[in-house]
Amino acid sequence: MRTHIAGYPFPGSPERPGSEALAVMKRAVALCAAMLLAGCAIGPDYRRPALSTPEKFRFDPAAAAATARPLEWRNLYRDENLTALIREALANGYDVRIAVARVEEARAAAVEARAGLLPSVSYGGSVSRGKNEEFDGVLPNGGLITNSAAGTLSTFWEFDLWGRVRRQNEAAHARWLASEQGRREVELFLLSDVAETYFELMELDQELSISENAASSFEESLHIFRQRLEGGTASALESARAQADWDDAAAGIPATQQAIAQLENRLSVLLGRQPGPIARGSLAGSIDRFPAIPPGLPSDLLERRPDILEAEDELRAANADVGESIGEFFPKIGLTAILGKVSPDLKDFTRSGATAWGIGADGTGPLFEGGRLVGQYRGAKAARSESEMRYAQAVLNAFRDVSDALVARELQGERRVREADEVSALEQAVQVSRDRYASGKAGYFEVLEAQQQLFPAQLALARTQRDELLASVALYRALGGGWDESTGR
C-alpha cells in the first residue's frame, strides 16, 4: 500500500472543504468500480481435461448400466461396536483434526487473497514540537520553536483491469476447495482404517479360538498316545508326533495374543485414545451383514472420489496461477486518496483551514526484470502441466482401485465358499474317525491325522472371511464413499 505523508498537499491543488473532497472520492470510486467490472481476467479459463473413461468397471458385469446410489458408512457397517468406534475416530482422531486445521489455513489464505479486490484504508497521526522542524521533518524557519499536528485517513485501490488479482483470488479459492477435499479423503481413509483394523481383530479372535481348540484336542491325543505307549500298544513315533502337534498349536496362542494387543493399540491411536482393549463382535455373520455396494458408472468417480476432486482443484489453482503470472507483465494502476487534518500549530488543528485532502492515480509497470517474469510465467505453465498429469494419474489410479476391489470381493467370495465346504468335509472326517476309533475299527492315529488337516483349514477359512470383508471396505473406499451433500458432489 502506498504511504502518504500528511501536511504536504499535491502541487497546484487548491484547498477545498471536506464535503467536496468526499464527493470527489465517491466519483472516483464509482469510476474505478465501472472499470473493474468492464475488465476481463487475463490468462486461460479453466476447462476440465478430456479424459477417456471405460463404459463399465472391469470385473463388474452387473454394473453396465447401474447408477451408484449414496451409501453412508452407517448403512454399510451394520455393527454397533464398529459404528461407535468410527464416530469416535471422526470426532477425536488426530488425522481428521489436522486435516480440519489445514482447511482453516487454506480458507484464511483465500480470505487474504480476496482482500486484494477491495480498497485498503489506513489511518495515521502525529504530534510534534521542535526547532526548525515541522511534521517530524527538518524545515528551516529562522530558529523558531513550533508545534505541528496531523491526522489522516489514506486509501489505495488497485484497478484490476487485467484480472491479475482475480486470478490470484481464483487460485486461493481453488486451493481452499482442494484442502476441503483433502479433509474428506482423510476422513474416508480413517473410516476405512478403523473398519479394516476392526475386522482384522475379529479374525484374530477367531484364530485364537481355533488355536485354543486345536491345542486342547492335540493335548487330549497326546495323553492317549502316552497311555498307549506306557501300555505297550503304541510306538514312540506316534507319541512324539502328537507332542509336536500340541506344541505347535500351543505356540500359536501367544503369537496371536500379541498380534491382538498390537492391533488394539493401533486402533486406539486411530481413535485418539490411550492404548487399551477394544470392544468388538465376532467374525461369524459379519459378511451376511455387509450390504451389496453398487459400483455405478466409471464417470461417477470424477464427481465422487475426494482425491480426484482434490487433484482437479489443484489443477484449477495452477491454471489461475498462469493467468496471474501473465498479469505481472502489465502495469498496475491504482487510486490513492487522503483525507484529514494538518496544522503547524496545535491551536489551529480543529479549524476548517487545517483540512487536508488529496486524490490521484498512479501506475507502475515492468520495463526490465532480467527474465524474472518470463521465468515465473514458464514455471507457472510447467506447474499447470504437472497438475494436469497428476489429475489424469489420479483418475487412472481410481479406476485401478475399483477394479482391484471388485475382483478381490468377487473371487474372495468364491474362495470362502470352497473353503467352507472343505472345513465342513474335514469336520465330518474327524467325527467319522472318532466313531471308527470308538468302535475299534481304526487306531487313534487316524483321528490325529484328521485333526491335523482340519485346524489349518479352519484358519484359512477365517482369513478368507477377513479378506472378503477387507475387499468390501476397499471397494467402498475406492468408490469414494458416500456423497458430500454440503458441496453437491
Protein backbone atom coordinates (compact mmCIF):
# COMPACT_ATOMS: atom_id res chain seq x y z
CA MET A 1 0.00 0.00 0.00
CA ARG A 2 1.29 3.42 -0.86
CA THR A 3 2.25 5.63 2.12
CA HIS A 4 1.16 9.25 2.22
CA ILE A 5 2.87 11.95 4.32
CA ALA A 6 0.34 14.29 5.86
CA GLY A 7 0.83 18.02 5.58
CA TYR A 8 2.10 18.14 2.01
CA PRO A 9 -0.79 18.69 -0.46
CA PHE A 10 -0.42 17.88 -4.14
CA PRO A 11 1.15 20.79 -6.11
CA GLY A 12 -1.41 23.00 -7.78
CA SER A 13 -4.36 21.53 -5.85
CA PRO A 14 -6.41 24.24 -4.18
CA GLU A 15 -7.72 23.55 -0.70
CA ARG A 16 -11.41 22.62 -0.63
CA PRO A 17 -13.93 21.85 2.06
CA GLY A 18 -14.06 18.30 3.33
CA SER A 19 -17.56 17.64 1.90
CA GLU A 20 -16.37 18.41 -1.63
CA ALA A 21 -13.37 16.12 -1.13
CA LEU A 22 -15.69 13.28 -0.18
CA ALA A 23 -17.79 13.89 -3.28
CA VAL A 24 -14.69 13.71 -5.50
CA MET A 25 -13.62 10.48 -3.80
CA LYS A 26 -17.06 8.94 -4.33
CA ARG A 27 -17.00 9.76 -8.04
CA ALA A 28 -13.52 8.26 -8.33
CA VAL A 29 -14.59 5.09 -6.55
CA ALA A 30 -17.60 4.74 -8.88
CA LEU A 31 -15.35 5.16 -11.91
CA CYS A 32 -12.96 2.51 -10.58
CA ALA A 33 -15.83 0.10 -9.98
CA ALA A 34 -17.07 0.56 -13.55
CA MET A 35 -13.60 -0.07 -14.92
CA LEU A 36 -13.22 -3.13 -12.72
CA LEU A 37 -16.50 -4.64 -13.91
CA ALA A 38 -15.63 -3.97 -17.51
CA GLY A 39 -12.21 -5.62 -17.18
CA CYS A 40 -11.63 -9.25 -18.05
CA ALA A 41 -9.35 -11.73 -16.33
CA ILE A 42 -6.27 -12.35 -18.42
CA GLY A 43 -4.95 -15.84 -19.00
CA PRO A 44 -6.63 -19.18 -19.82
CA ASP A 45 -10.03 -20.01 -18.31
CA TYR A 46 -10.20 -23.40 -16.64
CA ARG A 47 -11.67 -26.33 -18.53
CA ARG A 48 -11.65 -29.89 -17.28
CA PRO A 49 -9.23 -32.02 -19.32
CA ALA A 50 -10.88 -34.51 -21.65
CA LEU A 51 -10.19 -38.00 -20.32
CA SER A 52 -11.36 -41.30 -21.74
CA THR A 53 -13.34 -43.41 -19.30
CA PRO A 54 -14.44 -47.03 -19.75
CA GLU A 55 -18.12 -47.82 -20.15
CA LYS A 56 -18.05 -50.08 -17.12
CA PHE A 57 -15.63 -51.26 -14.49
CA ARG A 58 -13.56 -54.33 -15.10
CA PHE A 59 -14.76 -57.43 -13.22
CA ASP A 60 -18.18 -55.82 -12.76
CA PRO A 61 -20.50 -57.37 -15.36
CA ALA A 62 -23.64 -56.41 -13.43
CA ALA A 63 -22.98 -52.68 -13.35
CA ALA A 64 -23.01 -51.88 -17.06
CA ALA A 65 -25.95 -49.50 -16.70
CA ALA A 66 -26.11 -49.09 -12.94
CA THR A 67 -26.21 -45.78 -11.13
CA ALA A 68 -24.29 -45.62 -7.87
CA ARG A 69 -26.55 -44.52 -5.05
CA PRO A 70 -25.28 -42.76 -1.95
CA LEU A 71 -24.33 -45.26 0.75
CA GLU A 72 -23.42 -43.83 4.12
CA TRP A 73 -20.94 -45.74 6.24
CA ARG A 74 -23.63 -46.09 8.92
CA ASN A 75 -25.62 -48.18 6.44
CA LEU A 76 -22.52 -50.01 5.24
CA TYR A 77 -21.12 -51.23 8.55
CA ARG A 78 -24.08 -52.79 10.34
CA ASP A 79 -22.21 -53.42 13.56
CA GLU A 80 -22.98 -51.30 16.61
CA ASN A 81 -19.48 -51.61 18.05
CA LEU A 82 -17.87 -50.63 14.76
CA THR A 83 -20.15 -47.66 14.13
CA ALA A 84 -19.43 -46.39 17.65
CA LEU A 85 -15.67 -46.66 17.01
CA ILE A 86 -15.98 -44.81 13.69
CA ARG A 87 -17.90 -41.98 15.33
CA GLU A 88 -15.22 -41.71 17.98
CA ALA A 89 -12.43 -41.70 15.40
CA LEU A 90 -14.09 -38.99 13.29
CA ALA A 91 -14.64 -36.87 16.40
CA ASN A 92 -11.33 -37.37 18.21
CA GLY A 93 -8.84 -38.78 15.70
CA TYR A 94 -5.81 -36.57 15.19
CA ASP A 95 -5.67 -37.18 11.44
CA VAL A 96 -9.07 -35.55 10.95
CA ARG A 97 -8.29 -32.71 13.34
CA ILE A 98 -5.05 -31.99 11.48
CA ALA A 99 -6.93 -32.01 8.16
CA VAL A 100 -9.51 -29.58 9.56
CA ALA A 101 -6.71 -27.24 10.61
CA ARG A 102 -5.32 -27.37 7.05
CA VAL A 103 -8.75 -26.43 5.70
CA GLU A 104 -8.91 -23.43 8.04
CA GLU A 105 -5.44 -22.39 6.94
CA ALA A 106 -6.44 -22.55 3.27
CA ARG A 107 -9.67 -20.68 3.97
CA ALA A 108 -7.72 -17.88 5.68
CA ALA A 109 -5.42 -17.69 2.66
CA ALA A 110 -8.47 -17.37 0.39
CA VAL A 111 -9.83 -14.54 2.55
CA GLU A 112 -6.46 -12.83 2.36
CA ALA A 113 -6.37 -13.14 -1.43
CA ARG A 114 -9.92 -11.82 -1.75
CA ALA A 115 -8.91 -8.69 0.14
CA GLY A 116 -6.92 -7.64 -2.93
CA LEU A 117 -10.19 -6.93 -4.73
CA LEU A 118 -11.24 -4.36 -2.13
CA PRO A 119 -9.83 -0.95 -1.20
CA SER A 120 -7.42 -0.81 1.71
CA VAL A 121 -7.83 2.02 4.22
CA SER A 122 -5.32 3.04 6.88
CA TYR A 123 -5.01 5.82 9.39
CA GLY A 124 -2.12 7.81 10.77
CA GLY A 125 -1.39 10.69 13.04
CA SER A 126 1.49 12.62 14.57
CA VAL A 127 2.12 15.42 17.03
CA SER A 128 5.50 17.14 17.28
CA ARG A 129 7.25 20.18 18.77
CA GLY A 130 10.68 21.32 17.70
CA LYS A 131 13.04 23.98 16.41
CA ASN A 132 13.45 24.32 12.64
CA GLU A 133 11.11 21.32 12.39
CA GLU A 134 7.57 20.68 11.18
CA PHE A 135 5.60 17.44 10.88
CA ASP A 136 8.57 15.35 12.09
CA GLY A 137 10.75 16.75 9.29
CA VAL A 138 13.55 19.30 9.14
CA LEU A 139 12.23 22.67 7.93
CA PRO A 140 14.29 25.88 8.43
CA ASN A 141 12.04 28.54 9.95
CA GLY A 142 14.51 31.03 11.41
CA GLY A 143 15.11 29.05 14.55
CA LEU A 144 11.54 29.20 15.81
CA ILE A 145 10.16 26.57 18.10
CA THR A 146 6.80 25.37 16.65
CA ASN A 147 4.14 22.78 17.26
CA SER A 148 2.56 20.65 14.49
CA ALA A 149 -0.15 18.02 14.32
CA ALA A 150 -1.57 15.73 11.64
CA GLY A 151 -4.32 13.12 11.49
CA THR A 152 -5.27 11.42 8.21
CA LEU A 153 -7.08 8.54 6.55
CA SER A 154 -5.47 7.15 3.41
CA THR A 155 -6.73 4.61 0.92
CA PHE A 156 -5.43 2.67 -2.03
CA TRP A 157 -7.36 0.58 -4.55
CA GLU A 158 -5.76 -1.22 -7.45
CA PHE A 159 -7.79 -1.24 -10.65
CA ASP A 160 -7.77 -4.93 -11.55
CA LEU A 161 -8.00 -4.13 -15.26
CA TRP A 162 -6.18 -7.27 -16.36
CA GLY A 163 -7.69 -9.64 -13.81
CA ARG A 164 -4.40 -10.40 -12.06
CA VAL A 165 -5.93 -10.06 -8.60
CA ARG A 166 -8.98 -12.03 -9.67
CA ARG A 167 -6.78 -14.87 -10.89
CA GLN A 168 -4.92 -14.75 -7.59
CA ASN A 169 -8.22 -14.95 -5.75
CA GLU A 170 -9.36 -17.80 -8.01
CA ALA A 171 -6.21 -19.79 -7.23
CA ALA A 172 -6.56 -19.28 -3.49
CA HIS A 173 -10.22 -20.30 -3.57
CA ALA A 174 -9.40 -23.44 -5.57
CA ARG A 175 -6.73 -24.41 -3.05
CA TRP A 176 -9.25 -23.93 -0.29
CA LEU A 177 -11.60 -26.34 -2.06
CA ALA A 178 -8.69 -28.74 -2.56
CA SER A 179 -7.96 -28.69 1.17
CA GLU A 180 -11.60 -29.49 1.87
CA GLN A 181 -11.40 -32.48 -0.46
CA GLY A 182 -8.20 -33.46 1.31
CA ARG A 183 -10.12 -33.44 4.58
CA ARG A 184 -12.79 -35.70 3.06
CA GLU A 185 -10.08 -38.04 1.82
CA VAL A 186 -8.54 -38.21 5.30
CA GLU A 187 -11.95 -39.00 6.79
CA LEU A 188 -12.54 -41.71 4.20
CA PHE A 189 -9.17 -43.34 4.83
CA LEU A 190 -9.61 -43.06 8.60
CA LEU A 191 -13.03 -44.68 8.36
CA SER A 192 -11.55 -47.48 6.24
CA ASP A 193 -8.55 -47.96 8.54
CA VAL A 194 -10.83 -48.30 11.57
CA ALA A 195 -13.05 -50.82 9.79
CA GLU A 196 -10.11 -52.84 8.45
CA THR A 197 -8.41 -52.99 11.85
CA TYR A 198 -11.70 -53.96 13.47
CA PHE A 199 -12.22 -56.86 11.03
CA GLU A 200 -8.61 -57.97 11.48
CA LEU A 201 -9.17 -58.06 15.24
CA MET A 202 -12.25 -60.22 14.84
CA GLU A 203 -10.32 -62.58 12.58
CA LEU A 204 -7.53 -62.85 15.14
CA ASP A 205 -10.13 -63.63 17.79
CA GLN A 206 -11.29 -66.47 15.55
CA GLU A 207 -7.69 -67.65 15.10
CA LEU A 208 -7.15 -67.60 18.85
CA SER A 209 -10.26 -69.70 19.40
CA ILE A 210 -9.18 -72.20 16.72
CA SER A 211 -5.67 -72.43 18.19
CA GLU A 212 -7.03 -72.99 21.67
CA ASN A 213 -9.36 -75.73 20.41
CA ALA A 214 -6.55 -77.31 18.43
CA ALA A 215 -4.22 -77.24 21.43
CA SER A 216 -6.90 -78.86 23.58
CA SER A 217 -7.54 -81.59 21.02
CA PHE A 218 -3.86 -82.32 20.45
CA GLU A 219 -3.29 -82.37 24.20
CA GLU A 220 -6.01 -84.98 24.53
CA SER A 221 -4.41 -87.01 21.73
CA LEU A 222 -1.01 -86.73 23.39
CA HIS A 223 -2.45 -88.03 26.65
CA ILE A 224 -3.96 -91.05 24.87
CA PHE A 225 -0.74 -91.88 23.00
CA ARG A 226 1.28 -91.65 26.19
CA GLN A 227 -1.06 -94.07 27.92
CA ARG A 228 -0.83 -96.44 24.99
CA LEU A 229 2.95 -96.08 24.90
CA GLU A 230 3.16 -96.98 28.57
CA GLY A 231 0.88 -99.92 27.96
CA GLY A 232 2.99 -101.08 25.03
CA THR A 233 0.25 -100.68 22.43
CA ALA A 234 1.70 -97.62 20.66
CA SER A 235 5.07 -96.58 19.30
CA ALA A 236 7.25 -93.70 20.47
CA LEU A 237 6.89 -92.20 16.97
CA GLU A 238 3.16 -91.69 17.45
CA SER A 239 3.69 -90.09 20.85
CA ALA A 240 6.43 -87.80 19.51
CA ARG A 241 4.24 -86.60 16.62
CA ALA A 242 1.36 -85.92 18.98
CA GLN A 243 3.73 -83.96 21.22
CA ALA A 244 4.94 -81.88 18.25
CA ASP A 245 1.37 -81.11 17.11
CA TRP A 246 0.38 -79.99 20.60
CA ASP A 247 3.45 -77.75 20.95
CA ASP A 248 2.81 -76.20 17.53
CA ALA A 249 -0.80 -75.38 18.38
CA ALA A 250 0.11 -74.07 21.83
CA ALA A 251 2.91 -71.86 20.38
CA GLY A 252 0.42 -70.11 18.11
CA ILE A 253 -1.63 -68.88 21.06
CA PRO A 254 0.81 -66.28 22.50
CA ALA A 255 1.72 -65.11 18.97
CA THR A 256 -1.94 -64.47 18.24
CA GLN A 257 -2.45 -62.77 21.59
CA GLN A 258 0.48 -60.46 20.83
CA ALA A 259 -0.96 -59.56 17.43
CA ILE A 260 -4.34 -58.83 19.03
CA ALA A 261 -2.81 -56.48 21.61
CA GLN A 262 -0.81 -54.62 18.96
CA LEU A 263 -3.86 -54.18 16.72
CA GLU A 264 -5.88 -52.91 19.69
CA ASN A 265 -3.14 -50.35 20.39
CA ARG A 266 -3.11 -49.28 16.74
CA LEU A 267 -6.87 -48.86 16.69
CA SER A 268 -6.75 -46.89 19.95
CA VAL A 269 -4.38 -44.39 18.34
CA LEU A 270 -6.74 -44.02 15.38
CA LEU A 271 -9.48 -43.25 17.89
CA GLY A 272 -7.36 -40.63 19.63
CA ARG A 273 -7.33 -42.52 22.93
CA GLN A 274 -4.73 -44.24 25.09
CA PRO A 275 -3.87 -47.83 24.04
CA GLY A 276 -6.25 -50.35 25.55
CA PRO A 277 -8.78 -53.10 24.84
CA ILE A 278 -11.39 -52.65 22.11
CA ALA A 279 -14.97 -53.90 22.36
CA ARG A 280 -15.97 -55.89 19.29
CA GLY A 281 -18.27 -58.54 17.91
CA SER A 282 -17.50 -61.88 16.27
CA LEU A 283 -16.44 -62.73 12.74
CA ALA A 284 -19.32 -65.14 12.28
CA GLY A 285 -22.17 -63.49 10.39
CA SER A 286 -20.28 -60.28 9.61
CA ILE A 287 -20.25 -60.97 5.88
CA ASP A 288 -24.01 -61.53 5.86
CA ARG A 289 -24.50 -58.08 7.47
CA PHE A 290 -22.48 -56.39 4.72
CA PRO A 291 -24.83 -54.94 2.05
CA ALA A 292 -24.09 -55.02 -1.65
CA ILE A 293 -22.32 -51.90 -2.91
CA PRO A 294 -23.46 -50.63 -6.35
CA PRO A 295 -20.28 -49.57 -8.15
CA GLY A 296 -22.12 -47.46 -10.74
CA LEU A 297 -20.56 -45.93 -13.83
CA PRO A 298 -16.85 -45.08 -14.04
CA SER A 299 -17.67 -41.46 -14.85
CA ASP A 300 -19.20 -41.15 -11.36
CA LEU A 301 -15.72 -41.29 -9.88
CA LEU A 302 -14.85 -37.91 -11.41
CA GLU A 303 -17.52 -36.32 -9.22
CA ARG A 304 -17.21 -38.56 -6.21
CA ARG A 305 -13.67 -39.50 -5.21
CA PRO A 306 -12.13 -36.83 -2.97
CA ASP A 307 -8.61 -37.45 -4.26
CA ILE A 308 -9.77 -36.82 -7.85
CA LEU A 309 -11.65 -33.69 -6.82
CA GLU A 310 -8.62 -32.51 -4.87
CA ALA A 311 -6.38 -33.06 -7.89
CA GLU A 312 -8.81 -31.14 -10.10
CA ASP A 313 -8.98 -28.22 -7.66
CA GLU A 314 -5.18 -28.12 -7.61
CA LEU A 315 -5.24 -28.06 -11.42
CA ARG A 316 -7.75 -25.21 -11.34
CA ALA A 317 -5.46 -23.29 -8.98
CA ALA A 318 -2.41 -23.93 -11.19
CA ASN A 319 -4.36 -22.71 -14.22
CA ALA A 320 -5.23 -19.49 -12.38
CA ASP A 321 -1.56 -19.08 -11.43
CA VAL A 322 -0.74 -18.91 -15.15
CA GLY A 323 -3.16 -16.00 -15.57
CA GLU A 324 -1.70 -14.25 -12.55
CA SER A 325 1.84 -14.63 -13.94
CA ILE A 326 0.70 -13.10 -17.26
CA GLY A 327 -0.83 -10.18 -15.39
CA GLU A 328 2.58 -9.35 -13.89
CA PHE A 329 3.69 -8.18 -17.37
CA PHE A 330 1.05 -5.43 -17.39
CA PRO A 331 1.06 -2.18 -15.44
CA LYS A 332 -0.59 -1.92 -12.06
CA ILE A 333 -2.90 1.10 -11.88
CA GLY A 334 -4.48 2.24 -8.66
CA LEU A 335 -6.34 5.04 -6.91
CA THR A 336 -4.85 6.84 -3.92
CA ALA A 337 -6.60 9.28 -1.64
CA ILE A 338 -6.07 11.05 1.69
CA LEU A 339 -8.41 12.95 3.96
CA GLY A 340 -7.53 14.52 7.30
CA LYS A 341 -6.40 17.46 9.35
CA VAL A 342 -2.97 19.06 9.40
CA SER A 343 -1.83 22.15 11.24
CA PRO A 344 1.54 23.73 12.03
CA ASP A 345 0.05 24.83 15.33
CA LEU A 346 -1.98 22.75 17.74
CA LYS A 347 -4.47 25.54 18.41
CA ASP A 348 -5.44 25.68 14.72
CA PHE A 349 -5.91 21.89 14.30
CA THR A 350 -9.72 21.98 14.52
CA ARG A 351 -10.23 24.90 12.14
CA SER A 352 -11.52 24.39 8.61
CA GLY A 353 -8.29 25.73 7.21
CA ALA A 354 -6.49 22.68 8.64
CA THR A 355 -8.43 20.26 6.43
CA ALA A 356 -6.24 18.28 4.02
CA TRP A 357 -7.38 16.03 1.20
CA GLY A 358 -5.98 14.65 -1.97
CA ILE A 359 -6.89 12.16 -4.67
CA GLY A 360 -4.87 10.73 -7.52
CA ALA A 361 -3.94 7.70 -9.52
CA ASP A 362 -0.64 6.02 -10.04
CA GLY A 363 0.65 3.28 -12.25
CA THR A 364 3.73 1.11 -12.26
CA GLY A 365 4.89 -1.46 -14.76
CA PRO A 366 7.95 -3.55 -15.56
CA LEU A 367 10.49 -2.48 -18.15
CA PHE A 368 13.41 -4.77 -17.39
CA GLU A 369 13.30 -7.65 -14.89
CA GLY A 370 16.23 -9.72 -16.09
CA GLY A 371 13.98 -12.62 -17.10
CA ARG A 372 12.27 -12.89 -13.72
CA LEU A 373 8.74 -12.50 -15.08
CA VAL A 374 9.41 -14.80 -18.03
CA GLY A 375 10.76 -17.45 -15.69
CA GLN A 376 7.76 -17.01 -13.41
CA TYR A 377 5.38 -17.46 -16.35
CA ARG A 378 7.17 -20.54 -17.65
CA GLY A 379 7.25 -22.03 -14.18
CA ALA A 380 3.51 -21.48 -13.79
CA LYS A 381 2.85 -23.21 -17.13
CA ALA A 382 5.04 -26.15 -16.12
CA ALA A 383 3.23 -26.41 -12.78
CA ARG A 384 -0.09 -26.46 -14.62
CA SER A 385 1.14 -29.28 -16.89
CA GLU A 386 2.28 -31.19 -13.82
CA SER A 387 -1.10 -30.71 -12.13
CA GLU A 388 -2.90 -31.86 -15.27
CA MET A 389 -0.85 -35.05 -15.39
CA ARG A 390 -1.44 -35.62 -11.67
CA TYR A 391 -5.16 -35.28 -12.27
CA ALA A 392 -5.08 -37.81 -15.12
CA GLN A 393 -2.99 -40.14 -12.99
CA ALA A 394 -5.44 -39.85 -10.09
CA VAL A 395 -8.28 -40.86 -12.41
CA LEU A 396 -6.39 -43.90 -13.70
CA ASN A 397 -5.44 -44.94 -10.18
CA ALA A 398 -9.10 -44.65 -9.16
CA PHE A 399 -10.20 -46.99 -11.96
CA ARG A 400 -7.49 -49.45 -10.94
CA ASP A 401 -8.53 -49.30 -7.27
CA VAL A 402 -12.15 -50.07 -8.12
CA SER A 403 -11.21 -52.93 -10.46
CA ASP A 404 -8.85 -54.42 -7.87
CA ALA A 405 -11.50 -54.23 -5.15
CA LEU A 406 -14.20 -55.70 -7.40
CA VAL A 407 -12.14 -58.72 -8.41
CA ALA A 408 -10.97 -59.24 -4.82
CA ARG A 409 -14.50 -59.16 -3.46
CA GLU A 410 -15.83 -61.48 -6.16
CA LEU A 411 -13.04 -64.08 -6.05
CA GLN A 412 -12.62 -64.00 -2.26
CA GLY A 413 -16.32 -64.82 -2.00
CA GLU A 414 -15.87 -67.84 -4.27
CA ARG A 415 -12.82 -68.91 -2.29
CA ARG A 416 -14.72 -68.61 1.00
CA VAL A 417 -17.47 -70.89 -0.26
CA ARG A 418 -14.95 -73.57 -1.31
CA GLU A 419 -13.03 -73.36 1.93
CA ALA A 420 -16.25 -73.52 3.95
CA ASP A 421 -17.11 -76.76 2.12
CA GLU A 422 -13.60 -78.07 2.84
CA VAL A 423 -13.93 -77.31 6.57
CA SER A 424 -17.33 -78.98 6.66
CA ALA A 425 -15.92 -82.10 5.00
CA LEU A 426 -12.93 -82.23 7.34
CA GLU A 427 -15.16 -81.80 10.39
CA GLN A 428 -17.15 -84.78 9.14
CA ALA A 429 -13.91 -86.72 8.64
CA VAL A 430 -12.84 -86.02 12.23
CA GLN A 431 -16.21 -87.19 13.51
CA VAL A 432 -16.08 -90.38 11.38
CA SER A 433 -12.55 -91.14 12.56
CA ARG A 434 -13.64 -90.71 16.18
CA ASP A 435 -16.57 -93.08 15.62
CA ARG A 436 -14.28 -95.65 13.96
CA TYR A 437 -11.83 -95.36 16.85
CA ALA A 438 -14.62 -95.74 19.40
CA SER A 439 -15.87 -98.91 17.65
CA GLY A 440 -12.36 -100.32 17.41
CA LYS A 441 -12.25 -100.20 13.62
CA ALA A 442 -9.34 -97.70 13.46
CA GLY A 443 -6.48 -96.50 15.59
CA TYR A 444 -6.32 -93.09 17.21
CA PHE A 445 -3.59 -92.08 14.79
CA GLU A 446 -6.36 -91.78 12.16
CA VAL A 447 -8.15 -89.29 14.42
CA LEU A 448 -4.95 -87.30 14.89
CA GLU A 449 -4.35 -87.16 11.14
CA ALA A 450 -7.87 -85.83 10.53
CA GLN A 451 -7.36 -83.16 13.17
CA GLN A 452 -4.07 -82.13 11.56
CA GLN A 453 -5.95 -81.36 8.35
CA LEU A 454 -8.94 -79.67 9.98
CA PHE A 455 -7.35 -76.90 12.04
CA PRO A 456 -5.22 -75.34 9.24
CA ALA A 457 -8.32 -75.37 7.03
CA GLN A 458 -10.28 -73.55 9.74
CA LEU A 459 -7.54 -70.90 10.00
CA ALA A 460 -7.51 -70.47 6.22
CA LEU A 461 -11.30 -70.02 6.19
CA ALA A 462 -11.15 -67.36 8.91
CA ARG A 463 -8.50 -65.43 6.97
CA THR A 464 -10.51 -65.64 3.76
CA GLN A 465 -13.58 -64.30 5.56
CA ARG A 466 -11.45 -61.43 6.79
CA ASP A 467 -10.06 -60.76 3.31
CA GLU A 468 -13.56 -60.68 1.84
CA LEU A 469 -14.60 -58.08 4.41
CA LEU A 470 -11.45 -56.07 3.70
CA ALA A 471 -12.21 -56.21 -0.03
CA SER A 472 -15.66 -54.72 0.63
CA VAL A 473 -14.06 -51.93 2.67
CA ALA A 474 -11.52 -51.33 -0.11
CA LEU A 475 -14.33 -51.14 -2.68
CA TYR A 476 -16.24 -48.59 -0.62
CA ARG A 477 -13.08 -46.51 -0.28
CA ALA A 478 -12.25 -46.88 -3.98
CA LEU A 479 -15.72 -45.63 -4.90
CA GLY A 480 -15.20 -42.52 -2.80
CA GLY A 481 -17.68 -43.41 -0.03
CA GLY A 482 -20.96 -41.52 0.25
CA TRP A 483 -21.84 -38.28 -1.44
CA ASP A 484 -20.86 -34.99 0.16
CA GLU A 485 -24.23 -33.26 0.48
CA SER A 486 -22.69 -29.92 1.53
CA THR A 487 -20.93 -29.46 -1.80
CA GLY A 488 -23.36 -31.31 -4.04
CA ARG A 489 -20.59 -33.70 -5.09
